[in-house]
Amino acid sequence: MLITSSIFDNRVLYSEPVKYIAKLRDVKEDDNEQLLKCKMEAAGHGGMSGRDNAIKELAEEYSFILKNAKI
């Protein structure tokens, strides 16, 4: 599971995903990865602005999926 957040998100404070992933790790009973990525640069609820940044975020998500699928 990949959870992403941003320090500058004005809709969801960064502490909410942190608490969510902590709770998931407490009740976790399998060996699947759980990763929390918190962006420190300016990014809102929809992610970073700009086409290049959107492509970069999508590439990070795909790489997480492919790595965990052992592809």
PDB file of N, CA and C in Angstrom:
ATOM      1  N   MET A   1       0.848  -1.161   0.000  1.00  0.00           N
ATOM      2  CA  MET A   1       0.000   0.000   0.000  1.00  0.00           C
ATOM      3  C   MET A   1       0.900   1.232   0.000  1.00  0.00           C
ATOM      4  N   LEU A   2       0.629   2.141  -0.903  1.00  0.00           N
ATOM      5  CA  LEU A   2       1.367   3.395  -0.996  1.00  0.00           C
ATOM      6  C   LEU A   2       0.443   4.528  -0.574  1.00  0.00           C
ATOM      7  N   ILE A   3       0.814   5.223   0.477  1.00  0.00           N
ATOM      8  CA  ILE A   3       0.053   6.364   0.973  1.00  0.00           C
ATOM      9  C   ILE A   3       0.891   7.605   0.701  1.00  0.00           C
ATOM     10  N   THR A   4       0.311   8.605   0.042  1.00  0.00           N
ATOM     11  CA  THR A   4       1.043   9.837  -0.231  1.00  0.00           C
ATOM     12  C   THR A   4       0.362  11.008   0.468  1.00  0.00           C
ATOM     13  N   SER A   5       1.175  11.979   0.819  1.00  0.00           N
ATOM     14  CA  SER A   5       0.681  13.168   1.505  1.00  0.00           C
ATOM     15  C   SER A   5       1.597  14.330   1.165  1.00  0.00           C
ATOM     16  N   SER A   6       1.197  15.511   1.596  1.00  0.00           N
ATOM     17  CA  SER A   6       2.018  16.695   1.409  1.00  0.00           C
ATOM     18  C   SER A   6       1.904  17.579   2.645  1.00  0.00           C
ATOM     19  N   ILE A   7       3.002  18.174   2.995  1.00  0.00           N
ATOM     20  CA  ILE A   7       3.004  19.107   4.126  1.00  0.00           C
ATOM     21  C   ILE A   7       2.055  20.274   3.861  1.00  0.00           C
ATOM     22  N   PHE A   8       1.910  20.663   2.592  1.00  0.00           N
ATOM     23  CA  PHE A   8       1.153  21.856   2.234  1.00  0.00           C
ATOM     24  C   PHE A   8      -0.278  21.580   1.766  1.00  0.00           C
ATOM     25  N   ASP A   9      -0.787  20.368   1.954  1.00  0.00           N
ATOM     26  CA  ASP A   9      -2.161  20.059   1.553  1.00  0.00           C
ATOM     27  C   ASP A   9      -3.119  20.817   2.467  1.00  0.00           C
ATOM     28  N   ASN A  10      -3.991  21.634   1.876  1.00  0.00           N
ATOM     29  CA  ASN A  10      -4.890  22.436   2.703  1.00  0.00           C
ATOM     30  C   ASN A  10      -6.205  21.711   3.013  1.00  0.00           C
ATOM     31  N   ARG A  11      -6.395  20.513   2.496  1.00  0.00           N
ATOM     32  CA  ARG A  11      -7.615  19.748   2.787  1.00  0.00           C
ATOM     33  C   ARG A  11      -7.389  18.642   3.802  1.00  0.00           C
ATOM     34  N   VAL A  12      -6.237  17.984   3.720  1.00  0.00           N
ATOM     35  CA  VAL A  12      -5.923  16.899   4.652  1.00  0.00           C
ATOM     36  C   VAL A  12      -4.571  17.202   5.275  1.00  0.00           C
ATOM     37  N   LEU A  13      -4.539  17.412   6.573  1.00  0.00           N
ATOM     38  CA  LEU A  13      -3.271  17.661   7.247  1.00  0.00           C
ATOM     39  C   LEU A  13      -2.375  16.437   7.128  1.00  0.00           C
ATOM     40  N   TYR A  14      -1.071  16.655   7.066  1.00  0.00           N
ATOM     41  CA  TYR A  14      -0.128  15.548   6.907  1.00  0.00           C
ATOM     42  C   TYR A  14      -0.205  14.555   8.065  1.00  0.00           C
ATOM     43  N   SER A  15      -0.698  14.992   9.210  1.00  0.00           N
ATOM     44  CA  SER A  15      -0.785  14.097  10.363  1.00  0.00           C
ATOM     45  C   SER A  15      -1.841  13.004  10.173  1.00  0.00           C
ATOM     46  N   GLU A  16      -2.846  13.240   9.349  1.00  0.00           N
ATOM     47  CA  GLU A  16      -3.891  12.231   9.138  1.00  0.00           C
ATOM     48  C   GLU A  16      -3.350  10.981   8.435  1.00  0.00           C
ATOM     49  N   PRO A  17      -2.626  11.110   7.309  1.00  0.00           N
ATOM     50  CA  PRO A  17      -2.043   9.908   6.704  1.00  0.00           C
ATOM     51  C   PRO A  17      -1.024   9.225   7.619  1.00  0.00           C
ATOM     52  N   VAL A  18      -0.310   9.997   8.424  1.00  0.00           N
ATOM     53  CA  VAL A  18       0.650   9.410   9.362  1.00  0.00           C
ATOM     54  C   VAL A  18      -0.074   8.540  10.382  1.00  0.00           C
ATOM     55  N   LYS A  19      -1.172   9.047  10.939  1.00  0.00           N
ATOM     56  CA  LYS A  19      -1.957   8.262  11.894  1.00  0.00           C
ATOM     57  C   LYS A  19      -2.575   7.041  11.223  1.00  0.00           C
ATOM     58  N   TYR A  20      -3.035   7.203   9.964  1.00  0.00           N
ATOM     59  CA  TYR A  20      -3.648   6.104   9.217  1.00  0.00           C
ATOM     60  C   TYR A  20      -2.647   4.975   8.996  1.00  0.00           C
ATOM     61  N   ILE A  21      -1.452   5.300   8.522  1.00  0.00           N
ATOM     62  CA  ILE A  21      -0.461   4.252   8.256  1.00  0.00           C
ATOM     63  C   ILE A  21       0.013   3.613   9.559  1.00  0.00           C
ATOM     64  N   ALA A  22       0.078   4.383  10.640  1.00  0.00           N
ATOM     65  CA  ALA A  22       0.468   3.816  11.934  1.00  0.00           C
ATOM     66  C   ALA A  22      -0.567   2.797  12.400  1.00  0.00           C
ATOM     67  N   LYS A  23      -1.839   3.110  12.229  1.00  0.00           N
ATOM     68  CA  LYS A  23      -2.903   2.178  12.619  1.00  0.00           C
ATOM     69  C   LYS A  23      -2.859   0.925  11.752  1.00  0.00           C
ATOM     70  N   LEU A  24      -2.647   1.109  10.439  1.00  0.00           N
ATOM     71  CA  LEU A  24      -2.546  -0.051   9.551  1.00  0.00           C
ATOM     72  C   LEU A  24      -1.397  -0.960   9.963  1.00  0.00           C
ATOM     73  N   ARG A  25      -0.271  -0.370  10.333  1.00  0.00           N
ATOM     74  CA  ARG A  25       0.888  -1.172  10.739  1.00  0.00           C
ATOM     75  C   ARG A  25       0.631  -1.897  12.050  1.00  0.00           C
ATOM     76  N   ASP A  26      -0.173  -1.308  12.924  1.00  0.00           N
ATOM     77  CA  ASP A  26      -0.505  -1.969  14.197  1.00  0.00           C
ATOM     78  C   ASP A  26      -1.330  -3.234  13.985  1.00  0.00           C
ATOM     79  N   VAL A  27      -2.254  -3.205  13.024  1.00  0.00           N
ATOM     80  CA  VAL A  27      -3.153  -4.348  12.820  1.00  0.00           C
ATOM     81  C   VAL A  27      -2.678  -5.270  11.694  1.00  0.00           C
ATOM     82  N   LYS A  28      -1.577  -4.952  11.079  1.00  0.00           N
ATOM     83  CA  LYS A  28      -1.050  -5.702   9.938  1.00  0.00           C
ATOM     84  C   LYS A  28      -0.601  -7.095  10.356  1.00  0.00           C
ATOM     85  N   GLU A  29      -0.987  -8.091   9.550  1.00  0.00           N
ATOM     86  CA  GLU A  29      -0.612  -9.472   9.837  1.00  0.00           C
ATOM     87  C   GLU A  29       0.070 -10.147   8.654  1.00  0.00           C
ATOM     88  N   ASP A  30       0.415  -9.388   7.627  1.00  0.00           N
ATOM     89  CA  ASP A  30       1.052  -9.977   6.450  1.00  0.00           C
ATOM     90  C   ASP A  30       2.410  -9.341   6.213  1.00  0.00           C
ATOM     91  N   ASP A  31       3.070  -9.748   5.132  1.00  0.00           N
ATOM     92  CA  ASP A  31       4.400  -9.223   4.812  1.00  0.00           C
ATOM     93  C   ASP A  31       4.365  -8.177   3.708  1.00  0.00           C
ATOM     94  N   ASN A  32       3.180  -7.714   3.326  1.00  0.00           N
ATOM     95  CA  ASN A  32       3.074  -6.718   2.263  1.00  0.00           C
ATOM     96  C   ASN A  32       3.637  -5.374   2.726  1.00  0.00           C
ATOM     97  N   GLU A  33       4.236  -4.655   1.773  1.00  0.00           N
ATOM     98  CA  GLU A  33       4.831  -3.359   2.100  1.00  0.00           C
ATOM     99  C   GLU A  33       3.773  -2.292   2.305  1.00  0.00           C
ATOM    100  N   GLN A  34       4.061  -1.397   3.224  1.00  0.00           N
ATOM    101  CA  GLN A  34       3.266  -0.194   3.418  1.00  0.00           C
ATOM    102  C   GLN A  34       4.246   0.972   3.436  1.00  0.00           C
ATOM    103  N   LEU A  35       4.046   1.910   2.543  1.00  0.00           N
ATOM    104  CA  LEU A  35       4.966   3.023   2.397  1.00  0.00           C
ATOM    105  C   LEU A  35       4.206   4.330   2.496  1.00  0.00           C
ATOM    106  N   LEU A  36       4.697   5.226   3.313  1.00  0.00           N
ATOM    107  CA  LEU A  36       4.137   6.569   3.431  1.00  0.00           C
ATOM    108  C   LEU A  36       5.130   7.536   2.817  1.00  0.00           C
ATOM    109  N   LYS A  37       4.680   8.279   1.808  1.00  0.00           N
ATOM    110  CA  LYS A  37       5.529   9.289   1.180  1.00  0.00           C
ATOM    111  C   LYS A  37       4.901  10.645   1.449  1.00  0.00           C
ATOM    112  N   CYS A  38       5.634  11.491   2.135  1.00  0.00           N
ATOM    113  CA  CYS A  38       5.162  12.834   2.450  1.00  0.00           C
ATOM    114  C   CYS A  38       6.021  13.839   1.700  1.00  0.00           C
ATOM    115  N   LYS A  39       5.406  14.567   0.783  1.00  0.00           N
ATOM    116  CA  LYS A  39       6.134  15.550  -0.020  1.00  0.00           C
ATOM    117  C   LYS A  39       6.409  16.788   0.819  1.00  0.00           C
ATOM    118  N   MET A  40       7.636  17.247   0.759  1.00  0.00           N
ATOM    119  CA  MET A  40       8.038  18.419   1.521  1.00  0.00           C
ATOM    120  C   MET A  40       7.955  19.690   0.681  1.00  0.00           C
ATOM    121  N   GLU A  41       7.872  19.558  -0.637  1.00  0.00           N
ATOM    122  CA  GLU A  41       7.747  20.733  -1.495  1.00  0.00           C
ATOM    123  C   GLU A  41       6.262  21.066  -1.684  1.00  0.00           C
ATOM    124  N   ALA A  42       5.987  22.199  -2.259  1.00  0.00           N
ATOM    125  CA  ALA A  42       4.606  22.669  -2.415  1.00  0.00           C
ATOM    126  C   ALA A  42       3.795  21.710  -3.280  1.00  0.00           C
ATOM    127  N   ALA A  43       2.744  21.174  -2.707  1.00  0.00           N
ATOM    128  CA  ALA A  43       1.814  20.301  -3.419  1.00  0.00           C
ATOM    129  C   ALA A  43       0.490  20.359  -2.675  1.00  0.00           C
ATOM    130  N   GLY A  44      -0.586  20.415  -3.417  1.00  0.00           N
ATOM    131  CA  GLY A  44      -1.900  20.489  -2.797  1.00  0.00           C
ATOM    132  C   GLY A  44      -2.573  19.133  -2.751  1.00  0.00           C
ATOM    133  N   HIS A  45      -3.887  19.147  -2.622  1.00  0.00           N
ATOM    134  CA  HIS A  45      -4.654  17.920  -2.495  1.00  0.00           C
ATOM    135  C   HIS A  45      -4.588  17.065  -3.762  1.00  0.00           C
ATOM    136  N   GLY A  46      -4.478  17.704  -4.912  1.00  0.00           N
ATOM    137  CA  GLY A  46      -4.399  16.969  -6.178  1.00  0.00           C
ATOM    138  C   GLY A  46      -2.991  16.658  -6.613  1.00  0.00           C
ATOM    139  N   GLY A  47      -2.012  16.922  -5.781  1.00  0.00           N
ATOM    140  CA  GLY A  47      -0.622  16.668  -6.125  1.00  0.00           C
ATOM    141  C   GLY A  47       0.060  17.939  -6.568  1.00  0.00           C
ATOM    142  N   MET A  48       1.268  17.788  -7.064  1.00  0.00           N
ATOM    143  CA  MET A  48       2.040  18.939  -7.514  1.00  0.00           C
ATOM    144  C   MET A  48       1.506  19.436  -8.851  1.00  0.00           C
ATOM    145  N   SER A  49       1.593  20.732  -9.079  1.00  0.00           N
ATOM    146  CA  SER A  49       1.096  21.279 -10.332  1.00  0.00           C
ATOM    147  C   SER A  49       2.142  21.107 -11.427  1.00  0.00           C
ATOM    148  N   GLY A  50       1.664  21.131 -12.653  1.00  0.00           N
ATOM    149  CA  GLY A  50       2.555  21.009 -13.796  1.00  0.00           C
ATOM    150  C   GLY A  50       2.561  19.611 -14.369  1.00  0.00           C
ATOM    151  N   ARG A  51       2.682  19.546 -15.695  1.00  0.00           N
ATOM    152  CA  ARG A  51       2.652  18.262 -16.386  1.00  0.00           C
ATOM    153  C   ARG A  51       3.816  17.369 -15.979  1.00  0.00           C
ATOM    154  N   ASP A  52       5.016  17.928 -15.907  1.00  0.00           N
ATOM    155  CA  ASP A  52       6.186  17.120 -15.564  1.00  0.00           C
ATOM    156  C   ASP A  52       6.074  16.533 -14.166  1.00  0.00           C
ATOM    157  N   ASN A  53       5.563  17.301 -13.232  1.00  0.00           N
ATOM    158  CA  ASN A  53       5.391  16.796 -11.866  1.00  0.00           C
ATOM    159  C   ASN A  53       4.318  15.719 -11.799  1.00  0.00           C
ATOM    160  N   ALA A  54       3.255  15.869 -12.579  1.00  0.00           N
ATOM    161  CA  ALA A  54       2.205  14.850 -12.619  1.00  0.00           C
ATOM    162  C   ALA A  54       2.758  13.542 -13.177  1.00  0.00           C
ATOM    163  N   ILE A  55       3.595  13.643 -14.203  1.00  0.00           N
ATOM    164  CA  ILE A  55       4.211  12.445 -14.788  1.00  0.00           C
ATOM    165  C   ILE A  55       5.151  11.790 -13.785  1.00  0.00           C
ATOM    166  N   LYS A  56       5.902  12.598 -13.050  1.00  0.00           N
ATOM    167  CA  LYS A  56       6.826  12.075 -12.041  1.00  0.00           C
ATOM    168  C   LYS A  56       6.061  11.327 -10.949  1.00  0.00           C
ATOM    169  N   GLU A  57       4.961  11.894 -10.471  1.00  0.00           N
ATOM    170  CA  GLU A  57       4.164  11.229  -9.442  1.00  0.00           C
ATOM    171  C   GLU A  57       3.578   9.915  -9.957  1.00  0.00           C
ATOM    172  N   LEU A  58       3.095   9.928 -11.192  1.00  0.00           N
ATOM    173  CA  LEU A  58       2.547   8.710 -11.782  1.00  0.00           C
ATOM    174  C   LEU A  58       3.629   7.642 -11.929  1.00  0.00           C
ATOM    175  N   ALA A  59       4.823   8.040 -12.333  1.00  0.00           N
ATOM    176  CA  ALA A  59       5.933   7.100 -12.465  1.00  0.00           C
ATOM    177  C   ALA A  59       6.290   6.482 -11.116  1.00  0.00           C
ATOM    178  N   GLU A  60       6.264   7.280 -10.050  1.00  0.00           N
ATOM    179  CA  GLU A  60       6.538   6.746  -8.710  1.00  0.00           C
ATOM    180  C   GLU A  60       5.490   5.716  -8.302  1.00  0.00           C
ATOM    181  N   GLU A  61       4.226   5.998  -8.604  1.00  0.00           N
ATOM    182  CA  GLU A  61       3.156   5.061  -8.273  1.00  0.00           C
ATOM    183  C   GLU A  61       3.297   3.765  -9.062  1.00  0.00           C
ATOM    184  N   TYR A  62       3.569   3.880 -10.367  1.00  0.00           N
ATOM    185  CA  TYR A  62       3.757   2.686 -11.190  1.00  0.00           C
ATOM    186  C   TYR A  62       4.964   1.880 -10.741  1.00  0.00           C
ATOM    187  N   SER A  63       6.054   2.544 -10.378  1.00  0.00           N
ATOM    188  CA  SER A  63       7.241   1.801  -9.947  1.00  0.00           C
ATOM    189  C   SER A  63       6.965   1.047  -8.651  1.00  0.00           C
ATOM    190  N   PHE A  64       6.183   1.641  -7.744  1.00  0.00           N
ATOM    191  CA  PHE A  64       5.806   0.945  -6.510  1.00  0.00           C
ATOM    192  C   PHE A  64       4.979  -0.300  -6.837  1.00  0.00           C
ATOM    193  N   ILE A  65       4.018  -0.154  -7.743  1.00  0.00           N
ATOM    194  CA  ILE A  65       3.167  -1.283  -8.136  1.00  0.00           C
ATOM    195  C   ILE A  65       3.998  -2.390  -8.785  1.00  0.00           C
ATOM    196  N   LEU A  66       4.847  -2.025  -9.735  1.00  0.00           N
ATOM    197  CA  LEU A  66       5.652  -3.018 -10.449  1.00  0.00           C
ATOM    198  C   LEU A  66       6.648  -3.702  -9.527  1.00  0.00           C
ATOM    199  N   LYS A  67       7.247  -2.966  -8.608  1.00  0.00           N
ATOM    200  CA  LYS A  67       8.197  -3.566  -7.661  1.00  0.00           C
ATOM    201  C   LYS A  67       7.498  -4.592  -6.777  1.00  0.00           C
ATOM    202  N   ASN A  68       6.311  -4.250  -6.303  1.00  0.00           N
ATOM    203  CA  ASN A  68       5.589  -5.161  -5.416  1.00  0.00           C
ATOM    204  C   ASN A  68       4.963  -6.333  -6.159  1.00  0.00           C
ATOM    205  N   ALA A  69       4.758  -6.171  -7.467  1.00  0.00           N
ATOM    206  CA  ALA A  69       4.248  -7.274  -8.290  1.00  0.00           C
ATOM    207  C   ALA A  69       5.409  -8.136  -8.795  1.00  0.00           C
ATOM    208  N   LYS A  70       6.642  -7.786  -8.419  1.00  0.00           N
ATOM    209  CA  LYS A  70       7.854  -8.494  -8.827  1.00  0.00           C
ATOM    210  C   LYS A  70       8.038  -8.506 -10.336  1.00  0.00           C
ATOM    211  N   ILE A  71       7.706  -7.368 -10.967  1.00  0.00           N
ATOM    212  CA  ILE A  71       7.847  -7.242 -12.426  1.00  0.00           C
ATOM    213  C   ILE A  71       9.036  -6.358 -12.741  1.00  0.00           C
TER     214      ILE A  71
END
